[in-house]
C-alpha atoms as a PDB file:
ATOM      1  CA  MET A   1     142.707 128.549 126.056  1.00  0.00           C
ATOM      2  CA  ALA A   2     139.076 129.452 125.469  1.00  0.00           C
ATOM      3  CA  ARG A   3     138.365 132.035 122.770  1.00  0.00           C
ATOM      4  CA  PRO A   4     137.255 135.387 124.263  1.00  0.00           C
ATOM      5  CA  MET A   5     133.666 136.372 123.719  1.00  0.00           C
ATOM      6  CA  GLY A   6     133.275 138.309 120.527  1.00  0.00           C
ATOM      7  CA  ALA A   7     136.640 137.294 119.096  1.00  0.00           C
ATOM      8  CA  ARG A   8     136.593 136.691 115.328  1.00  0.00           C
ATOM      9  CA  THR A   9     137.731 133.404 113.822  1.00  0.00           C
ATOM     10  CA  HIS A  10     138.856 132.957 110.230  1.00  0.00           C
ATOM     11  CA  ARG A  11     138.780 129.748 108.273  1.00  0.00           C
ATOM     12  CA  LYS A  12     141.773 129.719 105.972  1.00  0.00           C
ATOM     13  CA  VAL A  13     141.276 129.602 102.229  1.00  0.00           C
ATOM     14  CA  MET A  14     143.669 128.485  99.499  1.00  0.00           C
ATOM     15  CA  CYS A  15     145.001 130.600  96.670  1.00  0.00           C
ATOM     16  CA  GLU A  16     144.010 128.925  93.403  1.00  0.00           C
ATOM     17  CA  LEU A  17     147.234 130.100  91.723  1.00  0.00           C
ATOM     18  CA  CYS A  18     149.909 129.107  94.212  1.00  0.00           C
ATOM     19  CA  GLY A  19     148.133 126.920  96.702  1.00  0.00           C
ATOM     20  CA  LYS A  20     149.067 128.954  99.755  1.00  0.00           C
ATOM     21  CA  ARG A  21     146.542 129.058 102.565  1.00  0.00           C
ATOM     22  CA  MET A  22     145.677 132.258 104.421  1.00  0.00           C
ATOM     23  CA  ARG A  23     142.905 134.143 106.132  1.00  0.00           C
ATOM     24  CA  PRO A  24     140.251 135.441 103.751  1.00  0.00           C
ATOM     25  CA  ASP A  25     140.948 139.062 104.620  1.00  0.00           C
ATOM     26  CA  ARG A  26     144.547 138.671 103.455  1.00  0.00           C
ATOM     27  CA  MET A  27     143.742 137.134 100.078  1.00  0.00           C
ATOM     28  CA  ALA A  28     143.356 140.463  98.248  1.00  0.00           C
ATOM     29  CA  LYS A  29     146.731 141.761  99.445  1.00  0.00           C
ATOM     30  CA  HIS A  30     148.354 138.431  98.579  1.00  0.00           C
ATOM     31  CA  MET A  31     147.016 138.582  95.010  1.00  0.00           C
ATOM     32  CA  GLN A  32     148.341 142.135  94.568  1.00  0.00           C
ATOM     33  CA  ARG A  33     151.816 141.231  95.794  1.00  0.00           C
ATOM     34  CA  ALA A  34     152.304 137.664  94.564  1.00  0.00           C
ATOM     35  CA  HIS A  35     150.203 137.641  91.402  1.00  0.00           C
ATOM     36  CA  PRO A  36     149.757 141.177  90.156  1.00  0.00           C
ATOM     37  CA  ASP A  37     149.199 139.964  86.578  1.00  0.00           C
ATOM     38  CA  GLY A  38     147.231 136.881  87.594  1.00  0.00           C
ATOM     39  CA  HIS A  39     150.054 134.510  86.749  1.00  0.00           C
ATOM     40  CA  VAL A  40     152.659 132.449  88.604  1.00  0.00           C
ATOM     41  CA  ASP A  41     156.330 132.381  87.650  1.00  0.00           C
ATOM     42  CA  ALA A  42     158.031 129.083  86.838  1.00  0.00           C
ATOM     43  CA  ARG A  43     159.773 128.791  90.212  1.00  0.00           C
ATOM     44  CA  ASP A  44     156.563 129.268  92.169  1.00  0.00           C
ATOM     45  CA  ARG A  45     154.713 126.906  89.814  1.00  0.00           C
ATOM     46  CA  ALA A  46     157.204 124.132  90.584  1.00  0.00           C
ATOM     47  CA  LYS A  47     156.750 124.694  94.290  1.00  0.00           C
ATOM     48  CA  ILE A  48     152.982 124.624  93.909  1.00  0.00           C
ATOM     49  CA  GLN A  49     153.110 121.352  91.949  1.00  0.00           C
ATOM     50  CA  ALA A  50     155.392 119.782  94.521  1.00  0.00           C
ATOM     51  CA  TRP A  51     153.132 120.935  97.311  1.00  0.00           C
ATOM     52  CA  ARG A  52     150.043 119.560  95.597  1.00  0.00           C
ATOM     53  CA  MET A  53     151.777 116.231  94.959  1.00  0.00           C
ATOM     54  CA  GLN A  54     152.730 116.053  98.596  1.00  0.00           C
ATOM     55  CA  LYS A  55     149.126 116.689  99.584  1.00  0.00           C
ATOM     56  CA  ARG A  56     147.901 113.958  97.235  1.00  0.00           C
ATOM     57  CA  ARG A  57     150.393 111.461  98.626  1.00  0.00           C
ATOM     58  CA  ALA A  58     149.409 112.316 102.161  1.00  0.00           C
ATOM     59  CA  ALA A  59     145.739 111.872 101.276  1.00  0.00           C
ATOM     60  CA  ALA A  60     146.482 108.535  99.584  1.00  0.00           C
ATOM     61  CA  ALA A  61     148.409 107.359 102.628  1.00  0.00           C
ATOM     62  CA  ARG A  62     145.537 108.290 104.912  1.00  0.00           C
ATOM     63  CA  ALA A  63     143.095 106.473 102.635  1.00  0.00           C
ATOM     64  CA  ALA A  64     145.303 103.373 102.541  1.00  0.00           C
ATOM     65  CA  VAL A  65     145.084 103.098 106.294  1.00  0.00           C
ATOM     66  CA  TYR A  66     141.343 102.388 105.881  1.00  0.00           C
ATOM     67  CA  VAL A  67     141.036 101.013 102.355  1.00  0.00           C
ATOM     68  CA  VAL A  68     143.679  98.259 102.481  1.00  0.00           C
ATOM     69  CA  PRO A  69     142.236  96.523 105.573  1.00  0.00           C
ATOM     70  CA  ILE A  70     138.757  96.715 104.054  1.00  0.00           C
ATOM     71  CA  ILE A  71     140.005  95.092 100.830  1.00  0.00           C
ATOM     72  CA  ILE A  72     141.726  92.331 102.813  1.00  0.00           C
ATOM     73  CA  ILE A  73     138.549  91.686 104.815  1.00  0.00           C
ATOM     74  CA  ILE A  74     136.458  91.510 101.625  1.00  0.00           C
ATOM     75  CA  LEU A  75     138.908  89.037 100.075  1.00  0.00           C
ATOM     76  CA  LEU A  76     138.861  86.852 103.175  1.00  0.00           C
ATOM     77  CA  ILE A  77     135.060  86.859 103.249  1.00  0.00           C
ATOM     78  CA  THR A  78     134.957  85.968  99.538  1.00  0.00           C
ATOM     79  CA  VAL A  79     137.331  83.032 100.021  1.00  0.00           C
ATOM     80  CA  TYR A  80     135.289  81.792 102.976  1.00  0.00           C
ATOM     81  CA  MET A  81     131.965  82.068 101.123  1.00  0.00           C
ATOM     82  CA  VAL A  82     133.304  80.311  98.019  1.00  0.00           C
ATOM     83  CA  PHE A  83     135.291  77.476  99.582  1.00  0.00           C
ATOM     84  CA  PHE A  84     134.103  76.908 103.142  1.00  0.00           C
ATOM     85  CA  TYR A  85     130.630  78.312 103.783  1.00  0.00           C
ATOM     86  CA  LYS A  86     127.700  75.915 103.713  1.00  0.00           C
ATOM     87  CA  PRO A  87     124.325  77.641 104.011  1.00  0.00           C
ATOM     88  CA  PRO A  88     122.158  76.303 106.817  1.00  0.00           C
ATOM     89  CA  SER A  89     119.308  74.286 105.408  1.00  0.00           C
ATOM     90  CA  GLY A  90     117.725  73.208 108.652  1.00  0.00           C
ATOM     91  CA  PRO A  91     116.850  69.583 109.331  1.00  0.00           C
ATOM     92  CA  SER A  92     117.081  67.636 106.082  1.00  0.00           C
ATOM     93  CA  GLY A  93     114.708  64.909 107.192  1.00  0.00           C
ATOM     94  CA  PRO A  94     115.311  61.169 107.118  1.00  0.00           C
ATOM     95  CA  GLY A  95     117.189  59.615 104.237  1.00  0.00           C
ATOM     96  CA  ALA A  96     118.683  56.286 103.244  1.00  0.00           C
ATOM     97  CA  GLY A  97     119.492  54.272 106.369  1.00  0.00           C
ATOM     98  CA  ASP A  98     117.110  56.186 108.643  1.00  0.00           C
ATOM     99  CA  LYS A  99     113.921  54.929 110.228  1.00  0.00           C
ATOM    100  CA  ALA A 100     110.899  55.987 108.214  1.00  0.00           C
ATOM    101  CA  PRO A 101     108.525  58.411 109.980  1.00  0.00           C
ATOM    102  CA  ASP A 102     105.121  57.219 111.073  1.00  0.00           C
ATOM    103  CA  VAL A 103     102.351  57.668 108.523  1.00  0.00           C
ATOM    104  CA  VAL A 104      98.686  57.427 109.434  1.00  0.00           C
ATOM    105  CA  LEU A 105      96.270  58.374 106.659  1.00  0.00           C
ATOM    106  CA  THR A 106      92.905  57.426 105.220  1.00  0.00           C
ATOM    107  CA  ASP A 107      93.054  56.528 101.530  1.00  0.00           C
ATOM    108  CA  THR A 108      90.666  57.660  98.818  1.00  0.00           C
ATOM    109  CA  GLN A 109      88.495  54.599  99.462  1.00  0.00           C
ATOM    110  CA  GLY A 110      88.045  55.494 103.132  1.00  0.00           C
ATOM    111  CA  ILE A 111      90.416  52.844 104.497  1.00  0.00           C
ATOM    112  CA  LEU A 112      92.693  53.874 107.376  1.00  0.00           C
ATOM    113  CA  HIS A 113      96.376  52.961 106.981  1.00  0.00           C
ATOM    114  CA  ASN A 114      98.927  53.017 109.784  1.00  0.00           C
ATOM    115  CA  LEU A 115     102.258  52.306 108.139  1.00  0.00           C
ATOM    116  CA  SER A 116     104.257  51.936 111.341  1.00  0.00           C
ATOM    117  CA  LYS A 117     101.741  49.448 112.735  1.00  0.00           C
ATOM    118  CA  ASP A 118     100.541  47.601 109.639  1.00  0.00           C
ATOM    119  CA  ASP A 119     103.480  47.744 107.237  1.00  0.00           C
ATOM    120  CA  TYR A 120     106.780  48.577 108.955  1.00  0.00           C
ATOM    121  CA  GLY A 121     108.238  45.229 109.946  1.00  0.00           C
ATOM    122  CA  HIS A 122     105.999  43.327 107.530  1.00  0.00           C
ATOM    123  CA  HIS A 123     106.208  44.650 103.975  1.00  0.00           C
ATOM    124  CA  TYR A 124     108.499  46.328 101.507  1.00  0.00           C
ATOM    125  CA  ILE A 125     107.046  49.755 100.698  1.00  0.00           C
ATOM    126  CA  PHE A 126     107.176  52.012  97.658  1.00  0.00           C
ATOM    127  CA  LEU A 127     106.121  55.460  98.888  1.00  0.00           C
ATOM    128  CA  GLU A 128     105.546  58.310  96.445  1.00  0.00           C
ATOM    129  CA  PHE A 129     104.845  61.965  97.162  1.00  0.00           C
ATOM    130  CA  PHE A 130     103.320  63.681  94.151  1.00  0.00           C
ATOM    131  CA  SER A 131     100.889  66.371  93.037  1.00  0.00           C
ATOM    132  CA  THR A 132      97.978  66.055  90.646  1.00  0.00           C
ATOM    133  CA  GLN A 133      99.025  69.438  89.224  1.00  0.00           C
ATOM    134  CA  CYS A 134     102.618  68.422  88.527  1.00  0.00           C
ATOM    135  CA  ALA A 135     103.605  67.755  84.907  1.00  0.00           C
ATOM    136  CA  HIS A 136     106.559  65.565  85.931  1.00  0.00           C
ATOM    137  CA  CYS A 137     104.243  63.513  88.132  1.00  0.00           C
ATOM    138  CA  GLN A 138     101.944  62.894  85.183  1.00  0.00           C
ATOM    139  CA  ASN A 139     104.888  61.743  83.077  1.00  0.00           C
ATOM    140  CA  VAL A 140     106.137  59.316  85.697  1.00  0.00           C
ATOM    141  CA  ALA A 141     102.652  57.876  86.327  1.00  0.00           C
ATOM    142  CA  THR A 142     102.945  55.417  83.431  1.00  0.00           C
ATOM    143  CA  PRO A 143     106.261  53.872  84.592  1.00  0.00           C
ATOM    144  CA  LEU A 144     104.851  53.624  88.129  1.00  0.00           C
ATOM    145  CA  THR A 145     101.763  51.814  86.848  1.00  0.00           C
ATOM    146  CA  TRP A 146     104.064  49.353  85.084  1.00  0.00           C
ATOM    147  CA  LEU A 147     106.132  48.984  88.275  1.00  0.00           C
ATOM    148  CA  TYR A 148     103.018  48.240  90.324  1.00  0.00           C
ATOM    149  CA  ALA A 149     101.881  45.614  87.837  1.00  0.00           C
ATOM    150  CA  ASN A 150     105.236  43.837  88.131  1.00  0.00           C
ATOM    151  CA  TYR A 151     105.935  44.119  91.869  1.00  0.00           C
ATOM    152  CA  SER A 152     102.607  44.465  93.678  1.00  0.00           C
ATOM    153  CA  ASP A 153     102.916  40.869  94.871  1.00  0.00           C
ATOM    154  CA  GLN A 154     106.229  41.649  96.620  1.00  0.00           C
ATOM    155  CA  MET A 155     105.679  45.109  98.074  1.00  0.00           C
ATOM    156  CA  VAL A 156     102.938  47.623  98.849  1.00  0.00           C
ATOM    157  CA  PHE A 157     102.580  50.896  96.966  1.00  0.00           C
ATOM    158  CA  TYR A 158     101.380  54.194  98.420  1.00  0.00           C
ATOM    159  CA  SER A 159     101.058  57.599  96.742  1.00  0.00           C
ATOM    160  CA  ILE A 160     100.351  60.789  98.684  1.00  0.00           C
ATOM    161  CA  ALA A 161      99.177  64.110  97.212  1.00  0.00           C
ATOM    162  CA  PRO A 162      98.286  67.457  98.831  1.00  0.00           C
ATOM    163  CA  GLN A 163      95.112  67.798  96.747  1.00  0.00           C
ATOM    164  CA  ASN A 164      91.672  66.906  98.074  1.00  0.00           C
ATOM    165  CA  ASN A 165      90.149  63.436  97.909  1.00  0.00           C
ATOM    166  CA  GLU A 166      88.072  64.161  94.803  1.00  0.00           C
ATOM    167  CA  GLU A 167      91.042  65.372  92.765  1.00  0.00           C
ATOM    168  CA  THR A 168      93.160  62.441  93.897  1.00  0.00           C
ATOM    169  CA  LEU A 169      90.440  59.982  92.908  1.00  0.00           C
ATOM    170  CA  GLN A 170      90.190  61.616  89.493  1.00  0.00           C
ATOM    171  CA  TRP A 171      93.955  61.248  89.109  1.00  0.00           C
ATOM    172  CA  GLN A 172      93.742  57.532  89.866  1.00  0.00           C
ATOM    173  CA  ALA A 173      91.017  57.050  87.295  1.00  0.00           C
ATOM    174  CA  GLU A 174      92.883  58.979  84.586  1.00  0.00           C
ATOM    175  CA  HIS A 175      96.152  57.081  85.077  1.00  0.00           C
ATOM    176  CA  GLY A 176      94.857  53.652  85.967  1.00  0.00           C
ATOM    177  CA  ALA A 177      96.600  53.843  89.349  1.00  0.00           C
ATOM    178  CA  THR A 178      94.831  51.170  91.380  1.00  0.00           C
ATOM    179  CA  TRP A 179      97.102  51.126  94.429  1.00  0.00           C
ATOM    180  CA  SER A 180      96.346  53.125  97.590  1.00  0.00           C
ATOM    181  CA  HIS A 181      96.336  56.896  97.183  1.00  0.00           C
ATOM    182  CA  PHE A 182      95.979  59.457  99.944  1.00  0.00           C
ATOM    183  CA  SER A 183      94.905  63.071 100.174  1.00  0.00           C
ATOM    184  CA  ASP A 184      97.251  64.955 102.493  1.00  0.00           C
ATOM    185  CA  PRO A 185      96.274  68.663 102.634  1.00  0.00           C
ATOM    186  CA  ASN A 186      99.068  71.102 103.506  1.00  0.00           C
ATOM    187  CA  ASP A 187     101.704  68.357 103.021  1.00  0.00           C
ATOM    188  CA  ALA A 188     101.422  67.364 106.684  1.00  0.00           C
ATOM    189  CA  THR A 189     102.919  63.919 105.982  1.00  0.00           C
ATOM    190  CA  PHE A 190     105.494  65.123 103.447  1.00  0.00           C
ATOM    191  CA  THR A 191     106.968  67.474 106.058  1.00  0.00           C
ATOM    192  CA  LYS A 192     107.729  64.444 108.240  1.00  0.00           C
ATOM    193  CA  PHE A 193     110.079  63.302 105.495  1.00  0.00           C
ATOM    194  CA  VAL A 194     111.140  66.724 104.184  1.00  0.00           C
ATOM    195  CA  PRO A 195     110.803  69.476 106.835  1.00  0.00           C
ATOM    196  CA  ASP A 196     111.087  72.239 104.231  1.00  0.00           C
ATOM    197  CA  VAL A 197     108.987  71.073 101.291  1.00  0.00           C
ATOM    198  CA  THR A 198     109.802  74.271  99.370  1.00  0.00           C
ATOM    199  CA  LYS A 199     113.297  72.852  98.841  1.00  0.00           C
ATOM    200  CA  GLN A 200     112.125  69.500  97.520  1.00  0.00           C
ATOM    201  CA  GLY A 201     110.184  69.009  94.327  1.00  0.00           C
ATOM    202  CA  VAL A 202     107.848  66.195  93.389  1.00  0.00           C
ATOM    203  CA  PRO A 203     107.551  63.428  92.496  1.00  0.00           C
ATOM    204  CA  HIS A 204     109.750  62.228  95.349  1.00  0.00           C
ATOM    205  CA  MET A 205     109.974  58.576  96.277  1.00  0.00           C
ATOM    206  CA  TYR A 206     111.123  56.398  99.161  1.00  0.00           C
ATOM    207  CA  LEU A 207     111.847  52.678  99.161  1.00  0.00           C
ATOM    208  CA  ILE A 208     111.385  51.232 102.647  1.00  0.00           C
ATOM    209  CA  ASP A 209     112.486  47.779 103.780  1.00  0.00           C
ATOM    210  CA  LYS A 210     110.546  45.289 105.910  1.00  0.00           C
ATOM    211  CA  ASN A 211     112.025  46.719 109.105  1.00  0.00           C
ATOM    212  CA  GLY A 212     110.745  50.217 108.377  1.00  0.00           C
ATOM    213  CA  TYR A 213     114.099  51.683 107.283  1.00  0.00           C
ATOM    214  CA  ILE A 214     114.476  53.914 104.235  1.00  0.00           C
ATOM    215  CA  ARG A 215     116.825  52.247 101.760  1.00  0.00           C
ATOM    216  CA  ASP A 216     116.452  54.589  98.791  1.00  0.00           C
ATOM    217  CA  ASP A 217     115.416  58.219  98.505  1.00  0.00           C
ATOM    218  CA  PHE A 218     115.150  59.866  95.086  1.00  0.00           C
ATOM    219  CA  SER A 219     113.231  62.319  92.943  1.00  0.00           C
ATOM    220  CA  GLY A 220     111.397  61.416  89.789  1.00  0.00           C
ATOM    221  CA  ASP A 221     113.773  63.460  87.641  1.00  0.00           C
ATOM    222  CA  GLN A 222     116.606  61.134  88.705  1.00  0.00           C
ATOM    223  CA  ASN A 223     115.007  58.219  86.905  1.00  0.00           C
ATOM    224  CA  THR A 224     116.419  59.490  83.628  1.00  0.00           C
ATOM    225  CA  GLY A 225     119.040  61.959  82.692  1.00  0.00           C
ATOM    226  CA  ASN A 226     116.762  64.313  80.810  1.00  0.00           C
ATOM    227  CA  GLY A 227     113.289  63.958  82.340  1.00  0.00           C
ATOM    228  CA  ALA A 228     111.983  61.656  79.581  1.00  0.00           C
ATOM    229  CA  TYR A 229     109.907  59.674  82.045  1.00  0.00           C
ATOM    230  CA  ASP A 230     108.176  57.561  79.446  1.00  0.00           C
ATOM    231  CA  SER A 231     111.493  56.397  77.977  1.00  0.00           C
ATOM    232  CA  GLN A 232     112.970  52.998  78.641  1.00  0.00           C
ATOM    233  CA  GLY A 233     115.473  54.636  80.967  1.00  0.00           C
ATOM    234  CA  ALA A 234     112.741  55.450  83.468  1.00  0.00           C
ATOM    235  CA  TYR A 235     111.507  51.854  83.547  1.00  0.00           C
ATOM    236  CA  ASP A 236     115.032  50.467  83.850  1.00  0.00           C
ATOM    237  CA  SER A 237     115.980  52.850  86.660  1.00  0.00           C
ATOM    238  CA  LEU A 238     112.855  52.178  88.733  1.00  0.00           C
ATOM    239  CA  ASP A 239     113.170  48.438  88.117  1.00  0.00           C
ATOM    240  CA  ALA A 240     116.822  48.446  89.236  1.00  0.00           C
ATOM    241  CA  ARG A 241     116.043  50.396  92.422  1.00  0.00           C
ATOM    242  CA  VAL A 242     113.232  48.042  93.422  1.00  0.00           C
ATOM    243  CA  LYS A 243     115.306  44.958  92.653  1.00  0.00           C
ATOM    244  CA  ASN A 244     118.099  46.334  94.825  1.00  0.00           C
ATOM    245  CA  LEU A 245     115.652  46.794  97.710  1.00  0.00           C
ATOM    246  CA  LEU A 246     114.173  43.297  97.388  1.00  0.00           C
ATOM    247  CA  THR A 247     117.559  41.599  96.915  1.00  0.00           C
ATOM    248  CA  ASN A 248     119.753  43.369  99.459  1.00  0.00           C
ATOM    249  CA  TYR A 249     117.355  44.264 102.254  1.00  0.00           C
END
């Protein structure tokens, strides 16, 4: 039934001594009758404590209706994220066993190279992606120079950097790298191999067989266990990878 116009409504309040709820206008009379000295006798105190405990239990039960399912959901999500979820990384690009992407670039000497036309199907290829500003790339330059000196008669070597032609030429001169180097601004060629270059560091290398298929795909820091690129481990690892390519493919 609708409340008549002008009718007064009272929101009940609770007595702080006994916990009883009543209209505000009755609180003064209640205090005079039930608590004239401002205290509660033992019998009423027990009732009040029981009443308050009942209220707490009821509140806890109401909370459990919402809290328990939320906790279960959180636990299920945690288990899924830890044991089953694999974050999407997008296309990972070609790897070992895949056809190598086409590469058409002009080297630092002004010579145009079309790998799919001139090399795929004809030569073994050692392809390096590096940066002239990369400390790891500088460390691995010496083992690569040694590798080129020992295998240049059996395979072709290419190194591609995102820096301009002048910087790449300077790099070649400083490291005695006489094989073909290319300037590839904005990593346009690297993205053919690694679509998201932010997830792949350099130096990164590919060994490609005579049919144009990638047979090995590795980063420079895998040549040794601790990044000591000028150690014998780097030479041995690179030598073993190249020998595997030439022997088995």
